[in-house]
Each structure stands twice: as structure tokens, then as C-alpha cells.
């Protein structure tokens, strides 16, 4: 996105005049601004399957068949014993959004719901012996990173003098 923004000519209306950011100095400043404010919205989330994919699983399937149907590898290992293994997969449910005073059984728009952990138990010969959703598991699979002002301060205190020296020497 920054590359697209960097390559375009930026037009800003100011006091009735149009300023076009085509010179290198303004492009560098605009890129620094974009790096500071657009990269602060980083969200880490696991790969997930849909409820329809989960509903098509059956007892007796092999582990490669389960991974093929779900389209994902296991998220985590829950238990490893002499007789079985339990792997955790992740899927998302589909919610609906509607105004509270218009709630009916089927109205509203579809919305992607919360993450749910799916515990799949395998026997020693890698055949599915149990499939269960973990509704009591913590819903901490998404890691949203907040703005780290210490990193921004360090970035500015290092980058700003370098830019000032660069543009000072260029004149």
C-alpha cells in the first residue's frame, strides 16, 4: 500500500491552491508518516476453517484427510499419550448482525464470529476417534498489537536527524 501511495502524486487543497508532492523531500516525509501510522495496526490471528468444513469431518478419517478437509494444519497439541493424540484446530463461527429491536430468527446480515477451538483425537494409527469443540477454552487466539510509543520515539530520534543531515547536505 505504501508503494502505491509513494508512487502517486499527492494533491492537497490548501488555501485555495493545489500542492503536488512530486519532489523527493515531500515524498520521503510522506513515506515516514505512512510508516509511522499505517504499520501500527498489526493483528496476528491463526489460520482457521469454517463450520461447514468442521461438520464434514467423520470418525475414522485419517489425519491427512482431516487436514485436507479443513485446509489447515493443527494449531496446537493438547495431549500426547500412549494410546492417543489430541490436536487443536481452529474454526470460526458465523454470526449475524441486526438491530436489537428487529431480531427475528433469520434476519440480519452474516458476520464472521469468534474463534472456536476444535479438539480432534487420533488413535496411534492416526484415525479420528473423537471430535469436540472447546467452548470453555479461552478466546485469546487473536493478538492485536498496540502502538508502542517507545519504538516510535526511537524511530523518530534516529531517523529525523539522518533526514535533516541528508537534506541539509543536499542543498
Protein backbone atom coordinates (compact mmCIF):
# COMPACT_ATOMS: atom_id res chain seq x y z
CA UNK A 1 0.00 0.00 0.00
CA UNK A 2 2.85 2.38 0.83
CA UNK A 3 4.40 1.72 -2.58
CA UNK A 4 1.17 2.71 -4.31
CA UNK A 5 0.84 5.79 -2.14
CA UNK A 6 4.51 6.66 -2.69
CA UNK A 7 4.27 6.49 -6.49
CA UNK A 8 1.17 8.60 -6.84
CA UNK A 9 1.25 12.37 -6.95
CA UNK A 10 -0.43 13.66 -3.84
CA UNK A 11 -2.76 16.57 -4.16
CA UNK A 12 -3.79 18.52 -1.10
CA UNK A 13 -6.04 21.53 -1.14
CA UNK A 14 -4.60 24.31 0.99
CA UNK A 15 -5.70 27.94 0.96
CA UNK A 16 -7.27 27.57 -2.47
CA UNK A 17 -4.04 26.27 -4.03
CA UNK A 18 -3.22 22.72 -5.01
CA UNK A 19 0.12 21.43 -3.82
CA UNK A 20 1.52 18.44 -5.69
CA UNK A 21 4.00 16.28 -3.80
CA UNK A 22 6.40 15.36 -6.57
CA UNK A 23 9.76 16.36 -5.12
CA UNK A 24 11.81 13.85 -3.17
CA UNK A 25 11.74 15.72 0.14
CA UNK A 26 7.96 15.64 0.40
CA UNK A 27 7.78 12.02 -0.73
CA UNK A 28 10.23 10.96 1.97
CA UNK A 29 8.27 12.83 4.63
CA UNK A 30 5.02 11.31 3.41
CA UNK A 31 6.54 7.83 3.44
CA UNK A 32 7.81 8.33 7.00
CA UNK A 33 4.32 9.46 8.01
CA UNK A 34 2.78 6.35 6.40
CA UNK A 35 5.27 4.04 8.09
CA UNK A 36 4.53 5.53 11.48
CA UNK A 37 0.76 5.43 11.31
CA UNK A 38 -0.21 2.66 8.89
CA UNK A 39 2.01 -0.06 10.32
CA UNK A 40 0.67 0.28 13.86
CA UNK A 41 -2.38 -1.85 13.03
CA UNK A 42 -0.90 -5.33 13.05
CA UNK A 43 -3.15 -8.21 14.02
CA UNK A 44 -1.91 -11.78 14.33
CA UNK A 45 -4.55 -14.46 14.04
CA UNK A 46 -4.43 -18.19 13.37
CA UNK A 47 -5.44 -19.85 10.13
CA UNK A 48 -8.93 -21.23 10.54
CA UNK A 49 -11.56 -23.42 8.95
CA UNK A 50 -15.29 -22.81 8.59
CA UNK A 51 -18.08 -24.55 10.49
CA UNK A 52 -19.18 -26.25 7.26
CA UNK A 53 -15.73 -27.84 6.92
CA UNK A 54 -15.83 -28.99 10.54
CA UNK A 55 -19.29 -30.51 10.07
CA UNK A 56 -17.98 -32.68 7.21
CA UNK A 57 -15.45 -34.46 9.48
CA UNK A 58 -16.21 -38.05 10.40
CA UNK A 59 -14.87 -40.57 12.87
CA UNK A 60 -12.36 -42.97 11.35
CA UNK A 61 -10.78 -40.42 8.99
CA UNK A 62 -7.01 -40.23 8.81
CA UNK A 63 -5.06 -37.15 9.86
CA UNK A 64 -4.16 -36.19 6.26
CA UNK A 65 -7.85 -36.44 5.30
CA UNK A 66 -8.82 -34.12 8.20
CA UNK A 67 -6.15 -31.60 7.22
CA UNK A 68 -7.30 -31.74 3.59
CA UNK A 69 -10.96 -31.14 4.51
CA UNK A 70 -10.17 -28.33 6.96
CA UNK A 71 -7.49 -26.84 4.72
CA UNK A 72 -5.22 -26.14 7.71
CA UNK A 73 -2.63 -27.87 9.86
CA UNK A 74 -3.19 -28.32 13.61
CA UNK A 75 -2.89 -25.12 15.64
CA UNK A 76 -1.55 -26.80 18.76
CA UNK A 77 -1.08 -30.13 20.52
CA UNK A 78 -3.35 -30.64 23.53
CA UNK A 79 -2.41 -34.16 24.65
CA UNK A 80 0.05 -36.85 23.67
CA UNK A 81 -0.42 -40.20 25.39
CA UNK A 82 0.46 -43.86 24.80
CA UNK A 83 -2.92 -44.55 23.21
CA UNK A 84 -3.95 -41.29 21.50
CA UNK A 85 -3.07 -37.75 20.49
CA UNK A 86 -5.34 -34.72 20.67
CA UNK A 87 -4.65 -31.85 18.27
CA UNK A 88 -6.30 -28.44 18.35
CA UNK A 89 -7.63 -26.93 15.14
CA UNK A 90 -9.30 -23.53 14.91
CA UNK A 91 -12.54 -22.64 13.18
CA UNK A 92 -14.78 -19.58 13.14
CA UNK A 93 -18.50 -19.50 13.53
CA UNK A 94 -20.84 -17.31 11.51
CA UNK A 95 -22.83 -14.77 13.49
CA UNK A 96 -25.48 -12.39 12.32
CA UNK A 97 -25.79 -8.70 12.97
CA UNK A 98 -29.08 -6.95 13.35
CA UNK A 99 -30.63 -4.16 15.36
CA UNK A 100 -31.81 -5.43 18.73
CA UNK A 101 -35.44 -4.39 18.30
CA UNK A 102 -35.66 -6.11 14.87
CA UNK A 103 -34.32 -9.51 15.98
CA UNK A 104 -36.04 -12.40 14.24
CA UNK A 105 -34.85 -15.98 13.76
CA UNK A 106 -33.37 -15.43 10.28
CA UNK A 107 -32.94 -11.71 9.64
CA UNK A 108 -29.76 -9.64 9.75
CA UNK A 109 -26.52 -9.85 7.83
CA UNK A 110 -23.90 -12.58 8.13
CA UNK A 111 -20.78 -11.69 10.05
CA UNK A 112 -17.67 -13.67 10.91
CA UNK A 113 -17.90 -14.67 14.56
CA UNK A 114 -15.43 -15.70 17.22
CA UNK A 115 -12.69 -18.28 17.01
CA UNK A 116 -13.51 -21.73 18.42
CA UNK A 117 -11.01 -24.45 19.22
CA UNK A 118 -11.72 -27.91 17.83
CA UNK A 119 -10.16 -30.84 19.66
CA UNK A 120 -9.61 -33.82 17.36
CA UNK A 121 -8.42 -37.03 18.98
CA UNK A 122 -6.41 -39.52 16.93
CA UNK A 123 -5.56 -43.13 17.75
CA UNK A 124 -1.98 -44.36 17.38
CA UNK A 125 -2.72 -45.35 13.76
CA UNK A 126 -3.79 -41.71 13.04
CA UNK A 127 -7.54 -42.39 12.79
CA UNK A 128 -10.01 -39.90 14.26
CA UNK A 129 -11.56 -41.23 17.48
CA UNK A 130 -13.13 -38.02 18.85
CA UNK A 131 -14.19 -34.60 17.61
CA UNK A 132 -15.32 -31.92 20.04
CA UNK A 133 -15.48 -28.14 20.20
CA UNK A 134 -13.97 -26.50 23.21
CA UNK A 135 -16.47 -23.84 24.26
CA UNK A 136 -14.78 -23.25 27.62
CA UNK A 137 -11.35 -22.62 26.10
CA UNK A 138 -10.00 -19.08 26.30
CA UNK A 139 -10.66 -16.91 23.27
CA UNK A 140 -7.16 -15.42 23.16
CA UNK A 141 -6.16 -16.61 19.71
CA UNK A 142 -6.01 -13.12 18.21
CA UNK A 143 -3.06 -10.95 19.16
CA UNK A 144 -3.63 -7.28 18.36
CA UNK A 145 -0.53 -5.21 18.81
CA UNK A 146 -0.96 -1.73 20.21
CA UNK A 147 1.08 1.27 19.26
CA UNK A 148 4.43 1.09 21.01
CA UNK A 149 5.34 4.70 21.66
CA UNK A 150 8.87 3.77 22.77
CA UNK A 151 9.59 2.28 19.34
CA UNK A 152 8.08 5.32 17.61
CA UNK A 153 10.18 7.65 19.74
CA UNK A 154 13.32 5.64 18.99
CA UNK A 155 12.46 5.60 15.27
CA UNK A 156 11.94 9.38 15.20
CA UNK A 157 15.07 10.19 17.23
CA UNK A 158 17.19 8.08 14.89
CA UNK A 159 15.53 8.83 11.55
CA UNK A 160 14.82 12.55 11.90
CA UNK A 161 18.47 13.63 12.39
CA UNK A 162 19.53 11.43 9.47
CA UNK A 163 16.90 13.02 7.23
CA UNK A 164 17.85 16.53 8.36
CA UNK A 165 21.51 15.85 7.65
CA UNK A 166 20.66 14.31 4.27
CA UNK A 167 18.53 17.26 3.16
CA UNK A 168 21.00 19.74 4.67
CA UNK A 169 23.89 18.29 2.67
CA UNK A 170 21.81 18.13 -0.49
CA UNK A 171 21.40 21.94 -0.57
